[in-house]
Amino acid sequence: VQLVESGGGLVQPGGSLRLSCAASGDIFSIDVMGWYRQAPGKQRDLVATITSGGGGTNYADSVKGRFTISRDNTKNTVYLQMNSLKPDDTAVYYCKMTVKRTGWITQTDYWGRGTQVTVSS
């Protein structure tokens, strides 16, 4: 199973970006999907998560009202719409998915390699 993020880049404060993360491989189902971020010298922190049905979302306080997480189960893809970006949002953004592989009983967490988001004027 591989996760590939895209959509990062350089944006001015107040701007917007949309991140995508697509999973491929031997996938039976995907439970929770999420986005995390890690700034230089800091730990990796939760940004947002979304449940399998899409009805349950959770956000870090720092991004509430500015970021929106969504998913397309037909494409095994999770999105993160980021609006009103601030310099403090600068980080490498990683996606994580809890995947059940075909024929497996248990679920496994998989991570993408990350995409850089830089907010600067």
C-alpha atoms as a PDB file:
ATOM      1  CA  VAL A   1       0.000   0.000   0.000  1.00  0.00           C
ATOM      2  CA  GLN A   2       1.371   3.416  -0.972  1.00  0.00           C
ATOM      3  CA  LEU A   3       0.148   6.898  -0.095  1.00  0.00           C
ATOM      4  CA  VAL A   4       1.166   9.829  -2.261  1.00  0.00           C
ATOM      5  CA  GLU A   5       0.515  13.438  -1.281  1.00  0.00           C
ATOM      6  CA  SER A   6       0.314  16.369  -3.679  1.00  0.00           C
ATOM      7  CA  GLY A   7      -0.699  20.010  -3.718  1.00  0.00           C
ATOM      8  CA  GLY A   8       1.902  21.577  -1.464  1.00  0.00           C
ATOM      9  CA  GLY A   9       3.861  24.686  -2.342  1.00  0.00           C
ATOM     10  CA  LEU A  10       4.617  28.293  -1.518  1.00  0.00           C
ATOM     11  CA  VAL A  11       1.702  30.615  -0.789  1.00  0.00           C
ATOM     12  CA  GLN A  12       1.346  34.108   0.642  1.00  0.00           C
ATOM     13  CA  PRO A  13      -0.326  34.700   4.018  1.00  0.00           C
ATOM     14  CA  GLY A  14      -4.083  34.690   3.596  1.00  0.00           C
ATOM     15  CA  GLY A  15      -3.893  32.408   0.598  1.00  0.00           C
ATOM     16  CA  SER A  16      -5.255  28.911   0.007  1.00  0.00           C
ATOM     17  CA  LEU A  17      -3.978  25.482  -0.934  1.00  0.00           C
ATOM     18  CA  ARG A  18      -5.639  22.122  -1.447  1.00  0.00           C
ATOM     19  CA  LEU A  19      -3.713  19.001  -0.538  1.00  0.00           C
ATOM     20  CA  SER A  20      -4.561  15.546  -1.872  1.00  0.00           C
ATOM     21  CA  CYS A  21      -3.430  12.109  -0.783  1.00  0.00           C
ATOM     22  CA  ALA A  22      -4.206   9.028  -2.849  1.00  0.00           C
ATOM     23  CA  ALA A  23      -3.754   5.452  -1.677  1.00  0.00           C
ATOM     24  CA  SER A  24      -2.989   2.567  -3.992  1.00  0.00           C
ATOM     25  CA  GLY A  25      -2.234  -1.106  -3.650  1.00  0.00           C
ATOM     26  CA  ASP A  26      -3.971  -4.096  -2.144  1.00  0.00           C
ATOM     27  CA  ILE A  27      -6.770  -2.259  -0.317  1.00  0.00           C
ATOM     28  CA  PHE A  28      -9.995  -3.837   0.956  1.00  0.00           C
ATOM     29  CA  SER A  29     -11.211  -0.859   2.953  1.00  0.00           C
ATOM     30  CA  ILE A  30      -9.956   2.315   4.584  1.00  0.00           C
ATOM     31  CA  ASP A  31     -11.141   3.408   8.004  1.00  0.00           C
ATOM     32  CA  VAL A  32      -9.878   6.730   9.323  1.00  0.00           C
ATOM     33  CA  MET A  33      -7.978   9.116   7.067  1.00  0.00           C
ATOM     34  CA  GLY A  34      -6.021  12.026   8.454  1.00  0.00           C
ATOM     35  CA  TRP A  35      -3.564  14.829   7.947  1.00  0.00           C
ATOM     36  CA  TYR A  36      -0.630  15.626  10.230  1.00  0.00           C
ATOM     37  CA  ARG A  37       2.112  18.226  10.019  1.00  0.00           C
ATOM     38  CA  GLN A  38       5.629  18.679  11.270  1.00  0.00           C
ATOM     39  CA  ALA A  39       7.459  21.990  11.422  1.00  0.00           C
ATOM     40  CA  PRO A  40      11.276  22.113  11.677  1.00  0.00           C
ATOM     41  CA  GLY A  41      12.444  21.160  15.167  1.00  0.00           C
ATOM     42  CA  LYS A  42       8.944  20.217  16.316  1.00  0.00           C
ATOM     43  CA  GLN A  43       6.980  17.004  16.735  1.00  0.00           C
ATOM     44  CA  ARG A  44       4.445  15.751  14.235  1.00  0.00           C
ATOM     45  CA  ASP A  45       0.995  17.000  15.208  1.00  0.00           C
ATOM     46  CA  LEU A  46      -2.553  16.113  14.215  1.00  0.00           C
ATOM     47  CA  VAL A  47      -4.234  18.532  11.814  1.00  0.00           C
ATOM     48  CA  ALA A  48      -7.494  16.786  10.971  1.00  0.00           C
ATOM     49  CA  THR A  49      -9.097  13.357  10.694  1.00  0.00           C
ATOM     50  CA  ILE A  50     -12.201  11.984   8.992  1.00  0.00           C
ATOM     51  CA  THR A  51     -14.051   8.716   9.575  1.00  0.00           C
ATOM     52  CA  SER A  52     -14.865   6.129   6.918  1.00  0.00           C
ATOM     53  CA  GLY A  53     -18.354   7.437   6.243  1.00  0.00           C
ATOM     54  CA  GLY A  54     -17.151  11.008   6.125  1.00  0.00           C
ATOM     55  CA  GLY A  55     -19.559  12.112   8.808  1.00  0.00           C
ATOM     56  CA  GLY A  56     -17.076  12.365  11.631  1.00  0.00           C
ATOM     57  CA  THR A  57     -14.336  14.970  11.485  1.00  0.00           C
ATOM     58  CA  ASN A  58     -11.860  16.240  14.038  1.00  0.00           C
ATOM     59  CA  TYR A  59      -9.623  19.307  13.807  1.00  0.00           C
ATOM     60  CA  ALA A  60      -6.746  20.798  15.752  1.00  0.00           C
ATOM     61  CA  ASP A  61      -7.853  24.004  17.454  1.00  0.00           C
ATOM     62  CA  SER A  62      -5.291  25.971  15.472  1.00  0.00           C
ATOM     63  CA  VAL A  63      -6.947  25.152  12.129  1.00  0.00           C
ATOM     64  CA  LYS A  64     -10.649  25.098  13.022  1.00  0.00           C
ATOM     65  CA  GLY A  65     -12.663  27.346  10.753  1.00  0.00           C
ATOM     66  CA  ARG A  66      -9.831  27.585   8.212  1.00  0.00           C
ATOM     67  CA  PHE A  67      -9.150  23.996   7.102  1.00  0.00           C
ATOM     68  CA  THR A  68     -11.616  21.407   5.800  1.00  0.00           C
ATOM     69  CA  ILE A  69     -10.931  17.701   5.449  1.00  0.00           C
ATOM     70  CA  SER A  70     -12.898  15.539   3.016  1.00  0.00           C
ATOM     71  CA  ARG A  71     -12.586  12.169   1.311  1.00  0.00           C
ATOM     72  CA  ASP A  72     -13.586  10.317  -1.838  1.00  0.00           C
ATOM     73  CA  ASN A  73     -13.883   6.620  -1.030  1.00  0.00           C
ATOM     74  CA  THR A  74     -14.237   5.700  -4.711  1.00  0.00           C
ATOM     75  CA  LYS A  75     -10.734   7.086  -5.274  1.00  0.00           C
ATOM     76  CA  ASN A  76      -9.186   6.141  -1.901  1.00  0.00           C
ATOM     77  CA  THR A  77      -8.279   9.804  -1.586  1.00  0.00           C
ATOM     78  CA  VAL A  78      -8.341  12.334   1.222  1.00  0.00           C
ATOM     79  CA  TYR A  79      -8.229  16.104   0.747  1.00  0.00           C
ATOM     80  CA  LEU A  80      -7.319  19.062   2.923  1.00  0.00           C
ATOM     81  CA  GLN A  81      -8.614  22.464   1.856  1.00  0.00           C
ATOM     82  CA  MET A  82      -6.551  25.118   3.611  1.00  0.00           C
ATOM     83  CA  ASN A  83      -7.778  28.710   3.623  1.00  0.00           C
ATOM     84  CA  SER A  84      -6.558  31.877   5.347  1.00  0.00           C
ATOM     85  CA  LEU A  85      -3.102  30.384   5.632  1.00  0.00           C
ATOM     86  CA  LYS A  86      -0.679  31.798   8.173  1.00  0.00           C
ATOM     87  CA  PRO A  87       3.130  31.594   8.445  1.00  0.00           C
ATOM     88  CA  ASP A  88       2.627  29.272  11.448  1.00  0.00           C
ATOM     89  CA  ASP A  89       1.034  26.754   9.069  1.00  0.00           C
ATOM     90  CA  THR A  90       4.412  26.234   7.408  1.00  0.00           C
ATOM     91  CA  ALA A  91       5.337  22.561   7.749  1.00  0.00           C
ATOM     92  CA  VAL A  92       5.634  19.251   5.979  1.00  0.00           C
ATOM     93  CA  TYR A  93       2.130  17.791   5.744  1.00  0.00           C
ATOM     94  CA  TYR A  94       1.677  14.025   5.947  1.00  0.00           C
ATOM     95  CA  CYS A  95      -1.390  11.912   5.334  1.00  0.00           C
ATOM     96  CA  LYS A  96      -2.160   8.765   7.261  1.00  0.00           C
ATOM     97  CA  MET A  97      -4.731   6.061   6.521  1.00  0.00           C
ATOM     98  CA  THR A  98      -5.875   3.062   8.529  1.00  0.00           C
ATOM     99  CA  VAL A  99      -6.117   0.328   5.915  1.00  0.00           C
ATOM    100  CA  LYS A 100      -7.515  -3.182   5.873  1.00  0.00           C
ATOM    101  CA  ARG A 101      -5.834  -5.196   3.162  1.00  0.00           C
ATOM    102  CA  THR A 102      -7.628  -7.937   1.262  1.00  0.00           C
ATOM    103  CA  GLY A 103      -7.547 -11.190   3.221  1.00  0.00           C
ATOM    104  CA  TRP A 104      -6.114  -9.566   6.337  1.00  0.00           C
ATOM    105  CA  ILE A 105      -7.923  -9.582   9.675  1.00  0.00           C
ATOM    106  CA  THR A 106      -6.217  -6.565  11.195  1.00  0.00           C
ATOM    107  CA  GLN A 107      -5.846  -2.959  10.074  1.00  0.00           C
ATOM    108  CA  THR A 108      -2.527  -1.184   9.544  1.00  0.00           C
ATOM    109  CA  ASP A 109      -1.609   2.489   9.558  1.00  0.00           C
ATOM    110  CA  TYR A 110       0.179   3.775   6.471  1.00  0.00           C
ATOM    111  CA  TRP A 111       1.877   7.143   6.019  1.00  0.00           C
ATOM    112  CA  GLY A 112       2.694   9.221   2.987  1.00  0.00           C
ATOM    113  CA  ARG A 113       6.128  10.777   2.492  1.00  0.00           C
ATOM    114  CA  GLY A 114       4.890  14.309   3.001  1.00  0.00           C
ATOM    115  CA  THR A 115       4.445  17.498   1.027  1.00  0.00           C
ATOM    116  CA  GLN A 116       5.963  20.860   1.948  1.00  0.00           C
ATOM    117  CA  VAL A 117       3.695  23.827   2.617  1.00  0.00           C
ATOM    118  CA  THR A 118       5.378  27.197   3.025  1.00  0.00           C
ATOM    119  CA  VAL A 119       3.422  30.314   3.913  1.00  0.00           C
ATOM    120  CA  SER A 120       5.504  33.418   3.387  1.00  0.00           C
ATOM    121  CA  SER A 121       5.391  36.822   1.772  1.00  0.00           C
END
